[in-house]
PDB file of N, CA and C in Angstrom:
ATOM      1  N   MET A   1       0.824  -1.189   0.000  1.00  0.00           N
ATOM      2  CA  MET A   1       0.000   0.000   0.000  1.00  0.00           C
ATOM      3  C   MET A   1       0.871   1.257   0.000  1.00  0.00           C
ATOM      4  N   GLU A   2       2.046   1.222   0.617  1.00  0.00           N
ATOM      5  CA  GLU A   2       2.915   2.390   0.685  1.00  0.00           C
ATOM      6  C   GLU A   2       4.191   2.129  -0.096  1.00  0.00           C
ATOM      7  N   LYS A   3       4.734   3.186  -0.634  1.00  0.00           N
ATOM      8  CA  LYS A   3       6.014   3.091  -1.324  1.00  0.00           C
ATOM      9  C   LYS A   3       6.842   4.300  -0.898  1.00  0.00           C
ATOM     10  N   LEU A   4       8.042   4.039  -0.377  1.00  0.00           N
ATOM     11  CA  LEU A   4       8.908   5.121   0.059  1.00  0.00           C
ATOM     12  C   LEU A   4       9.534   5.788  -1.155  1.00  0.00           C
ATOM     13  N   LEU A   5       9.374   7.104  -1.234  1.00  0.00           N
ATOM     14  CA  LEU A   5       9.955   7.878  -2.317  1.00  0.00           C
ATOM     15  C   LEU A   5      11.134   8.673  -1.776  1.00  0.00           C
ATOM     16  N   GLU A   6      11.775   9.448  -2.628  1.00  0.00           N
ATOM     17  CA  GLU A   6      12.882  10.288  -2.182  1.00  0.00           C
ATOM     18  C   GLU A   6      12.423  11.224  -1.069  1.00  0.00           C
ATOM     19  N   ASN A   7      13.347  11.616  -0.213  1.00  0.00           N
ATOM     20  CA  ASN A   7      13.096  12.545   0.896  1.00  0.00           C
ATOM     21  C   ASN A   7      12.081  12.015   1.903  1.00  0.00           C
ATOM     22  N   ASN A   8      11.957  10.683   1.998  1.00  0.00           N
ATOM     23  CA  ASN A   8      11.088  10.031   2.979  1.00  0.00           C
ATOM     24  C   ASN A   8       9.605  10.354   2.827  1.00  0.00           C
ATOM     25  N   PHE A   9       9.156  10.712   1.640  1.00  0.00           N
ATOM     26  CA  PHE A   9       7.734  10.899   1.389  1.00  0.00           C
ATOM     27  C   PHE A   9       7.143   9.568   0.958  1.00  0.00           C
ATOM     28  N   PHE A  10       5.884   9.355   1.308  1.00  0.00           N
ATOM     29  CA  PHE A  10       5.228   8.114   0.943  1.00  0.00           C
ATOM     30  C   PHE A  10       4.198   8.367  -0.143  1.00  0.00           C
ATOM     31  N   MET A  11       4.137   7.448  -1.085  1.00  0.00           N
ATOM     32  CA  MET A  11       3.065   7.442  -2.070  1.00  0.00           C
ATOM     33  C   MET A  11       2.186   6.262  -1.672  1.00  0.00           C
ATOM     34  N   MET A  12       0.887   6.476  -1.589  1.00  0.00           N
ATOM     35  CA  MET A  12       0.042   5.361  -1.184  1.00  0.00           C
ATOM     36  C   MET A  12      -1.264   5.357  -1.944  1.00  0.00           C
ATOM     37  N   THR A  13      -1.786   4.167  -2.096  1.00  0.00           N
ATOM     38  CA  THR A  13      -3.081   3.979  -2.709  1.00  0.00           C
ATOM     39  C   THR A  13      -4.110   4.001  -1.590  1.00  0.00           C
ATOM     40  N   LEU A  14      -5.133   4.803  -1.733  1.00  0.00           N
ATOM     41  CA  LEU A  14      -6.137   4.902  -0.674  1.00  0.00           C
ATOM     42  C   LEU A  14      -6.979   3.640  -0.597  1.00  0.00           C
ATOM     43  N   PRO A  15      -7.337   3.232   0.614  1.00  0.00           N
ATOM     44  CA  PRO A  15      -8.204   2.057   0.781  1.00  0.00           C
ATOM     45  C   PRO A  15      -9.569   2.309   0.149  1.00  0.00           C
ATOM     46  N   LYS A  16     -10.282   1.227  -0.085  1.00  0.00           N
ATOM     47  CA  LYS A  16     -11.574   1.325  -0.764  1.00  0.00           C
ATOM     48  C   LYS A  16     -12.714   1.720   0.164  1.00  0.00           C
ATOM     49  N   ASN A  17     -12.526   1.570   1.465  1.00  0.00           N
ATOM     50  CA  ASN A  17     -13.620   1.946   2.357  1.00  0.00           C
ATOM     51  C   ASN A  17     -13.109   2.798   3.520  1.00  0.00           C
ATOM     52  N   LYS A  18     -14.045   3.472   4.180  1.00  0.00           N
ATOM     53  CA  LYS A  18     -13.687   4.422   5.244  1.00  0.00           C
ATOM     54  C   LYS A  18     -13.064   3.738   6.453  1.00  0.00           C
ATOM     55  N   LYS A  19     -13.501   2.529   6.770  1.00  0.00           N
ATOM     56  CA  LYS A  19     -12.958   1.826   7.926  1.00  0.00           C
ATOM     57  C   LYS A  19     -11.465   1.578   7.735  1.00  0.00           C
ATOM     58  N   GLU A  20     -11.062   1.118   6.574  1.00  0.00           N
ATOM     59  CA  GLU A  20      -9.641   0.892   6.293  1.00  0.00           C
ATOM     60  C   GLU A  20      -8.863   2.195   6.334  1.00  0.00           C
ATOM     61  N   LEU A  21      -9.434   3.286   5.854  1.00  0.00           N
ATOM     62  CA  LEU A  21      -8.772   4.574   5.859  1.00  0.00           C
ATOM     63  C   LEU A  21      -8.555   5.069   7.285  1.00  0.00           C
ATOM     64  N   ARG A  22      -9.571   4.911   8.138  1.00  0.00           N
ATOM     65  CA  ARG A  22      -9.427   5.308   9.546  1.00  0.00           C
ATOM     66  C   ARG A  22      -8.320   4.506  10.221  1.00  0.00           C
ATOM     67  N   LEU A  23      -8.276   3.199   9.979  1.00  0.00           N
ATOM     68  CA  LEU A  23      -7.250   2.344  10.569  1.00  0.00           C
ATOM     69  C   LEU A  23      -5.865   2.748  10.076  1.00  0.00           C
ATOM     70  N   LEU A  24      -5.747   3.020   8.801  1.00  0.00           N
ATOM     71  CA  LEU A  24      -4.471   3.444   8.220  1.00  0.00           C
ATOM     72  C   LEU A  24      -4.016   4.753   8.847  1.00  0.00           C
ATOM     73  N   PHE A  25      -4.923   5.722   8.986  1.00  0.00           N
ATOM     74  CA  PHE A  25      -4.576   7.008   9.575  1.00  0.00           C
ATOM     75  C   PHE A  25      -4.171   6.836  11.029  1.00  0.00           C
ATOM     76  N   PHE A  26      -4.939   6.038  11.797  1.00  0.00           N
ATOM     77  CA  PHE A  26      -4.640   5.847  13.213  1.00  0.00           C
ATOM     78  C   PHE A  26      -3.265   5.222  13.402  1.00  0.00           C
ATOM     79  N   ASN A  27      -2.932   4.235  12.591  1.00  0.00           N
ATOM     80  CA  ASN A  27      -1.646   3.552  12.728  1.00  0.00           C
ATOM     81  C   ASN A  27      -0.471   4.412  12.303  1.00  0.00           C
ATOM     82  N   SER A  28      -0.702   5.469  11.553  1.00  0.00           N
ATOM     83  CA  SER A  28       0.400   6.289  11.078  1.00  0.00           C
ATOM     84  C   SER A  28       0.646   7.522  11.954  1.00  0.00           C
ATOM     85  N   VAL A  29      -0.263   7.818  12.872  1.00  0.00           N
ATOM     86  CA  VAL A  29      -0.112   8.986  13.740  1.00  0.00           C
ATOM     87  C   VAL A  29       0.871   8.648  14.856  1.00  0.00           C
ATOM     88  N   LYS A  30       1.904   9.444  14.973  1.00  0.00           N
ATOM     89  CA  LYS A  30       2.902   9.231  16.014  1.00  0.00           C
ATOM     90  C   LYS A  30       2.894  10.432  16.953  1.00  0.00           C
ATOM     91  N   MET A  31       2.924  10.149  18.245  1.00  0.00           N
ATOM     92  CA  MET A  31       2.977  11.201  19.251  1.00  0.00           C
ATOM     93  C   MET A  31       4.343  11.155  19.909  1.00  0.00           C
ATOM     94  N   VAL A  32       4.913  12.316  20.140  1.00  0.00           N
ATOM     95  CA  VAL A  32       6.153  12.402  20.903  1.00  0.00           C
ATOM     96  C   VAL A  32       5.818  13.085  22.213  1.00  0.00           C
ATOM     97  N   SER A  33       6.023  12.363  23.294  1.00  0.00           N
ATOM     98  CA  SER A  33       5.782  12.916  24.628  1.00  0.00           C
ATOM     99  C   SER A  33       7.126  13.194  25.275  1.00  0.00           C
ATOM    100  N   ILE A  34       7.222  14.327  25.947  1.00  0.00           N
ATOM    101  CA  ILE A  34       8.468  14.765  26.581  1.00  0.00           C
ATOM    102  C   ILE A  34       8.249  14.822  28.091  1.00  0.00           C
ATOM    103  N   TYR A  35       9.189  14.229  28.831  1.00  0.00           N
ATOM    104  CA  TYR A  35       9.087  14.184  30.287  1.00  0.00           C
ATOM    105  C   TYR A  35      10.348  14.768  30.926  1.00  0.00           C
ATOM    106  N   LYS A  36      10.151  15.512  31.985  1.00  0.00           N
ATOM    107  CA  LYS A  36      11.257  16.019  32.808  1.00  0.00           C
ATOM    108  C   LYS A  36      11.491  14.979  33.899  1.00  0.00           C
ATOM    109  N   THR A  37      12.753  14.566  34.088  1.00  0.00           N
ATOM    110  CA  THR A  37      13.070  13.580  35.120  1.00  0.00           C
ATOM    111  C   THR A  37      14.249  14.075  35.952  1.00  0.00           C
ATOM    112  N   ASN A  38      14.588  13.314  36.961  1.00  0.00           N
ATOM    113  CA  ASN A  38      15.803  13.596  37.724  1.00  0.00           C
ATOM    114  C   ASN A  38      16.799  12.439  37.618  1.00  0.00           C
ATOM    115  N   VAL A  39      16.695  11.668  36.514  1.00  0.00           N
ATOM    116  CA  VAL A  39      17.632  10.573  36.236  1.00  0.00           C
ATOM    117  C   VAL A  39      18.937  11.194  35.749  1.00  0.00           C
ATOM    118  N   THR A  40      20.049  10.843  36.384  1.00  0.00           N
ATOM    119  CA  THR A  40      21.338  11.431  35.995  1.00  0.00           C
ATOM    120  C   THR A  40      22.353  10.386  35.540  1.00  0.00           C
ATOM    121  N   ASN A  41      22.100   9.134  35.828  1.00  0.00           N
ATOM    122  CA  ASN A  41      23.043   8.056  35.588  1.00  0.00           C
ATOM    123  C   ASN A  41      22.679   7.285  34.317  1.00  0.00           C
ATOM    124  N   LYS A  42      23.641   7.069  33.425  1.00  0.00           N
ATOM    125  CA  LYS A  42      23.382   6.345  32.172  1.00  0.00           C
ATOM    126  C   LYS A  42      22.924   4.916  32.413  1.00  0.00           C
ATOM    127  N   ARG A  43      23.490   4.277  33.414  1.00  0.00           N
ATOM    128  CA  ARG A  43      23.112   2.886  33.709  1.00  0.00           C
ATOM    129  C   ARG A  43      21.643   2.816  34.142  1.00  0.00           C
ATOM    130  N   THR A  44      21.236   3.730  34.997  1.00  0.00           N
ATOM    131  CA  THR A  44      19.834   3.774  35.435  1.00  0.00           C
ATOM    132  C   THR A  44      18.918   4.077  34.258  1.00  0.00           C
ATOM    133  N   ALA A  45      19.321   5.033  33.416  1.00  0.00           N
ATOM    134  CA  ALA A  45      18.525   5.376  32.236  1.00  0.00           C
ATOM    135  C   ALA A  45      18.355   4.150  31.340  1.00  0.00           C
ATOM    136  N   SER A  46      19.418   3.367  31.172  1.00  0.00           N
ATOM    137  CA  SER A  46      19.346   2.152  30.349  1.00  0.00           C
ATOM    138  C   SER A  46      18.361   1.142  30.924  1.00  0.00           C
ATOM    139  N   CYS A  47      18.360   0.981  32.228  1.00  0.00           N
ATOM    140  CA  CYS A  47      17.414   0.058  32.882  1.00  0.00           C
ATOM    141  C   CYS A  47      15.970   0.514  32.670  1.00  0.00           C
ATOM    142  N   ILE A  48      15.737   1.799  32.826  1.00  0.00           N
ATOM    143  CA  ILE A  48      14.389   2.347  32.626  1.00  0.00           C
ATOM    144  C   ILE A  48      13.968   2.163  31.167  1.00  0.00           C
ATOM    145  N   LEU A  49      14.888   2.438  30.239  1.00  0.00           N
ATOM    146  CA  LEU A  49      14.569   2.286  28.817  1.00  0.00           C
ATOM    147  C   LEU A  49      14.245   0.839  28.466  1.00  0.00           C
ATOM    148  N   MET A  50      14.972  -0.110  29.062  1.00  0.00           N
ATOM    149  CA  MET A  50      14.670  -1.525  28.805  1.00  0.00           C
ATOM    150  C   MET A  50      13.250  -1.862  29.213  1.00  0.00           C
ATOM    151  N   LEU A  51      12.853  -1.374  30.375  1.00  0.00           N
ATOM    152  CA  LEU A  51      11.495  -1.627  30.852  1.00  0.00           C
ATOM    153  C   LEU A  51      10.460  -0.932  29.960  1.00  0.00           C
ATOM    154  N   LEU A  52      10.746   0.306  29.571  1.00  0.00           N
ATOM    155  CA  LEU A  52       9.820   1.049  28.706  1.00  0.00           C
ATOM    156  C   LEU A  52       9.671   0.382  27.341  1.00  0.00           C
ATOM    157  N   LYS A  53      10.766  -0.122  26.804  1.00  0.00           N
ATOM    158  CA  LYS A  53      10.713  -0.731  25.471  1.00  0.00           C
ATOM    159  C   LYS A  53      10.011  -2.083  25.472  1.00  0.00           C
ATOM    160  N   ASN A  54       9.772  -2.651  26.655  1.00  0.00           N
ATOM    161  CA  ASN A  54       8.955  -3.865  26.759  1.00  0.00           C
ATOM    162  C   ASN A  54       7.477  -3.552  26.577  1.00  0.00           C
ATOM    163  N   GLU A  55       7.119  -2.286  26.728  1.00  0.00           N
ATOM    164  CA  GLU A  55       5.739  -1.839  26.510  1.00  0.00           C
ATOM    165  C   GLU A  55       5.510  -1.809  25.000  1.00  0.00           C
ATOM    166  N   SER A  56       4.663  -2.690  24.511  1.00  0.00           N
ATOM    167  CA  SER A  56       4.489  -2.864  23.060  1.00  0.00           C
ATOM    168  C   SER A  56       3.970  -1.610  22.351  1.00  0.00           C
ATOM    169  N   ARG A  57       3.332  -0.710  23.075  1.00  0.00           N
ATOM    170  CA  ARG A  57       2.780   0.487  22.426  1.00  0.00           C
ATOM    171  C   ARG A  57       3.811   1.593  22.269  1.00  0.00           C
ATOM    172  N   ILE A  58       5.004   1.424  22.845  1.00  0.00           N
ATOM    173  CA  ILE A  58       6.062   2.418  22.702  1.00  0.00           C
ATOM    174  C   ILE A  58       6.909   2.071  21.482  1.00  0.00           C
ATOM    175  N   ILE A  59       7.003   3.015  20.555  1.00  0.00           N
ATOM    176  CA  ILE A  59       7.777   2.815  19.327  1.00  0.00           C
ATOM    177  C   ILE A  59       9.253   3.095  19.586  1.00  0.00           C
ATOM    178  N   ASN A  60       9.536   4.158  20.319  1.00  0.00           N
ATOM    179  CA  ASN A  60      10.918   4.522  20.624  1.00  0.00           C
ATOM    180  C   ASN A  60      10.946   5.304  21.936  1.00  0.00           C
ATOM    181  N   ALA A  61      12.053   5.188  22.638  1.00  0.00           N
ATOM    182  CA  ALA A  61      12.236   5.923  23.895  1.00  0.00           C
ATOM    183  C   ALA A  61      13.710   6.246  24.051  1.00  0.00           C
ATOM    184  N   ASN A  62      14.008   7.440  24.553  1.00  0.00           N
ATOM    185  CA  ASN A  62      15.403   7.794  24.808  1.00  0.00           C
ATOM    186  C   ASN A  62      15.481   8.904  25.846  1.00  0.00           C
ATOM    187  N   PHE A  63      16.651   8.980  26.490  1.00  0.00           N
ATOM    188  CA  PHE A  63      16.939  10.024  27.463  1.00  0.00           C
ATOM    189  C   PHE A  63      17.921  11.017  26.866  1.00  0.00           C
ATOM    190  N   ASP A  64      17.810  12.270  27.283  1.00  0.00           N
ATOM    191  CA  ASP A  64      18.826  13.286  27.024  1.00  0.00           C
ATOM    192  C   ASP A  64      19.306  13.744  28.396  1.00  0.00           C
ATOM    193  N   LEU A  65      20.330  13.055  28.906  1.00  0.00           N
ATOM    194  CA  LEU A  65      20.814  13.344  30.252  1.00  0.00           C
ATOM    195  C   LEU A  65      21.662  14.604  30.311  1.00  0.00           C
ATOM    196  N   GLU A  66      22.043  15.136  29.152  1.00  0.00           N
ATOM    197  CA  GLU A  66      22.812  16.380  29.129  1.00  0.00           C
ATOM    198  C   GLU A  66      21.918  17.608  29.257  1.00  0.00           C
ATOM    199  N   ASP A  67      20.641  17.445  28.977  1.00  0.00           N
ATOM    200  CA  ASP A  67      19.677  18.535  29.133  1.00  0.00           C
ATOM    201  C   ASP A  67      19.478  18.808  30.618  1.00  0.00           C
ATOM    202  N   ILE A  68      19.252  20.057  30.966  1.00  0.00           N
ATOM    203  CA  ILE A  68      19.063  20.442  32.380  1.00  0.00           C
ATOM    204  C   ILE A  68      17.877  19.714  33.008  1.00  0.00           C
ATOM    205  N   ASP A  69      16.868  19.377  32.202  1.00  0.00           N
ATOM    206  CA  ASP A  69      15.668  18.698  32.704  1.00  0.00           C
ATOM    207  C   ASP A  69      15.749  17.174  32.594  1.00  0.00           C
ATOM    208  N   LYS A  70      16.907  16.638  32.195  1.00  0.00           N
ATOM    209  CA  LYS A  70      17.092  15.177  32.077  1.00  0.00           C
ATOM    210  C   LYS A  70      15.916  14.553  31.329  1.00  0.00           C
ATOM    211  N   ILE A  71      15.745  14.991  30.104  1.00  0.00           N
ATOM    212  CA  ILE A  71      14.569  14.698  29.280  1.00  0.00           C
ATOM    213  C   ILE A  71      14.446  13.216  28.912  1.00  0.00           C
ATOM    214  N   LEU A  72      13.217  12.712  28.995  1.00  0.00           N
ATOM    215  CA  LEU A  72      12.843  11.399  28.489  1.00  0.00           C
ATOM    216  C   LEU A  72      11.857  11.640  27.358  1.00  0.00           C
ATOM    217  N   ARG A  73      12.157  11.101  26.171  1.00  0.00           N
ATOM    218  CA  ARG A  73      11.266  11.227  25.013  1.00  0.00           C
ATOM    219  C   ARG A  73      10.649   9.871  24.703  1.00  0.00           C
ATOM    220  N   ILE A  74       9.357   9.873  24.475  1.00  0.00           N
ATOM    221  CA  ILE A  74       8.628   8.656  24.141  1.00  0.00           C
ATOM    222  C   ILE A  74       7.879   8.888  22.830  1.00  0.00           C
ATOM    223  N   VAL A  75       8.045   7.970  21.874  1.00  0.00           N
ATOM    224  CA  VAL A  75       7.298   8.009  20.617  1.00  0.00           C
ATOM    225  C   VAL A  75       6.319   6.844  20.651  1.00  0.00           C
ATOM    226  N   SER A  76       5.047   7.156  20.414  1.00  0.00           N
ATOM    227  CA  SER A  76       4.004   6.135  20.478  1.00  0.00           C
ATOM    228  C   SER A  76       2.802   6.576  19.646  1.00  0.00           C
ATOM    229  N   ASN A  77       1.921   5.636  19.386  1.00  0.00           N
ATOM    230  CA  ASN A  77       0.646   5.963  18.743  1.00  0.00           C
ATOM    231  C   ASN A  77      -0.413   6.284  19.790  1.00  0.00           C
ATOM    232  N   TYR A  78      -0.048   6.185  21.048  1.00  0.00           N
ATOM    233  CA  TYR A  78      -0.998   6.318  22.150  1.00  0.00           C
ATOM    234  C   TYR A  78      -0.486   7.316  23.178  1.00  0.00           C
ATOM    235  N   SER A  79      -1.381   7.811  24.000  1.00  0.00           N
ATOM    236  CA  SER A  79      -0.995   8.621  25.148  1.00  0.00           C
ATOM    237  C   SER A  79      -0.715   7.662  26.296  1.00  0.00           C
ATOM    238  N   LEU A  80       0.541   7.624  26.743  1.00  0.00           N
ATOM    239  CA  LEU A  80       0.949   6.664  27.767  1.00  0.00           C
ATOM    240  C   LEU A  80       1.518   7.354  29.007  1.00  0.00           C
ATOM    241  N   SER A  81       1.108   8.575  29.267  1.00  0.00           N
ATOM    242  CA  SER A  81       1.684   9.358  30.364  1.00  0.00           C
ATOM    243  C   SER A  81       1.620   8.636  31.698  1.00  0.00           C
ATOM    244  N   VAL A  82       0.485   8.090  32.037  1.00  0.00           N
ATOM    245  CA  VAL A  82       0.315   7.427  33.334  1.00  0.00           C
ATOM    246  C   VAL A  82       1.276   6.246  33.451  1.00  0.00           C
ATOM    247  N   GLU A  83       1.359   5.438  32.392  1.00  0.00           N
ATOM    248  CA  GLU A  83       2.227   4.260  32.411  1.00  0.00           C
ATOM    249  C   GLU A  83       3.703   4.644  32.489  1.00  0.00           C
ATOM    250  N   VAL A  84       4.121   5.640  31.696  1.00  0.00           N
ATOM    251  CA  VAL A  84       5.521   6.069  31.671  1.00  0.00           C
ATOM    252  C   VAL A  84       5.927   6.627  33.033  1.00  0.00           C
ATOM    253  N   ILE A  85       5.105   7.500  33.578  1.00  0.00           N
ATOM    254  CA  ILE A  85       5.404   8.099  34.883  1.00  0.00           C
ATOM    255  C   ILE A  85       5.490   7.010  35.957  1.00  0.00           C
ATOM    256  N   ALA A  86       4.584   6.035  35.920  1.00  0.00           N
ATOM    257  CA  ALA A  86       4.600   4.951  36.905  1.00  0.00           C
ATOM    258  C   ALA A  86       5.877   4.125  36.798  1.00  0.00           C
ATOM    259  N   ILE A  87       6.335   3.834  35.590  1.00  0.00           N
ATOM    260  CA  ILE A  87       7.555   3.045  35.410  1.00  0.00           C
ATOM    261  C   ILE A  87       8.762   3.795  35.955  1.00  0.00           C
ATOM    262  N   VAL A  88       8.882   5.085  35.618  1.00  0.00           N
ATOM    263  CA  VAL A  88      10.023   5.869  36.108  1.00  0.00           C
ATOM    264  C   VAL A  88       9.957   6.004  37.629  1.00  0.00           C
ATOM    265  N   ASN A  89       8.762   6.228  38.159  1.00  0.00           N
ATOM    266  CA  ASN A  89       8.587   6.340  39.617  1.00  0.00           C
ATOM    267  C   ASN A  89       8.941   5.040  40.336  1.00  0.00           C
ATOM    268  N   THR A  90       8.738   3.902  39.689  1.00  0.00           N
ATOM    269  CA  THR A  90       9.079   2.600  40.265  1.00  0.00           C
ATOM    270  C   THR A  90      10.558   2.533  40.630  1.00  0.00           C
ATOM    271  N   PHE A  91      11.389   3.222  39.854  1.00  0.00           N
ATOM    272  CA  PHE A  91      12.828   3.256  40.118  1.00  0.00           C
ATOM    273  C   PHE A  91      13.189   4.320  41.163  1.00  0.00           C
ATOM    274  N   GLY A  92      12.182   5.037  41.664  1.00  0.00           N
ATOM    275  CA  GLY A  92      12.428   6.050  42.694  1.00  0.00           C
ATOM    276  C   GLY A  92      12.776   7.421  42.146  1.00  0.00           C
ATOM    277  N   PHE A  93      12.481   7.656  40.866  1.00  0.00           N
ATOM    278  CA  PHE A  93      12.801   8.944  40.240  1.00  0.00           C
ATOM    279  C   PHE A  93      11.542   9.731  39.937  1.00  0.00           C
ATOM    280  N   LEU A  94      11.706  11.033  39.879  1.00  0.00           N
ATOM    281  CA  LEU A  94      10.600  11.914  39.513  1.00  0.00           C
ATOM    282  C   LEU A  94      10.425  11.886  37.992  1.00  0.00           C
ATOM    283  N   CYS A  95       9.197  12.065  37.559  1.00  0.00           N
ATOM    284  CA  CYS A  95       8.893  12.102  36.127  1.00  0.00           C
ATOM    285  C   CYS A  95       7.651  12.961  35.951  1.00  0.00           C
ATOM    286  N   GLU A  96       7.774  13.992  35.112  1.00  0.00           N
ATOM    287  CA  GLU A  96       6.682  14.940  34.915  1.00  0.00           C
ATOM    288  C   GLU A  96       6.587  15.257  33.423  1.00  0.00           C
ATOM    289  N   GLU A  97       5.385  15.110  32.863  1.00  0.00           N
ATOM    290  CA  GLU A  97       5.221  15.392  31.444  1.00  0.00           C
ATOM    291  C   GLU A  97       5.288  16.903  31.201  1.00  0.00           C
ATOM    292  N   LEU A  98       6.049  17.290  30.190  1.00  0.00           N
ATOM    293  CA  LEU A  98       6.144  18.700  29.792  1.00  0.00           C
ATOM    294  C   LEU A  98       5.152  18.963  28.676  1.00  0.00           C
ATOM    295  N   GLU A  99       4.641  20.168  28.626  1.00  0.00           N
ATOM    296  CA  GLU A  99       3.673  20.512  27.577  1.00  0.00           C
ATOM    297  C   GLU A  99       4.295  21.416  26.559  1.00  0.00           C
TER     298      GLU A  99
END
């Protein structure tokens, strides 16, 4: 259904019915959520990322420990704020979604 063209643009044939189109649109929407944490250690960040990446709805996750807010970025098709905050809190760290 999709073909990757130059510059990462997609050419696609539209589905024949609205239900397929809605499903296609829903699956292609990606959300990036940004969280402020107090994680400072790379080893701890790696442990948290391993646990987060076990969550099947998370497409990608990474920390920016050089940022003053020790940023955690989550890419997903879903809003997972409650789950992400709970996982980080399990390790004893603060986690707050930024807007």
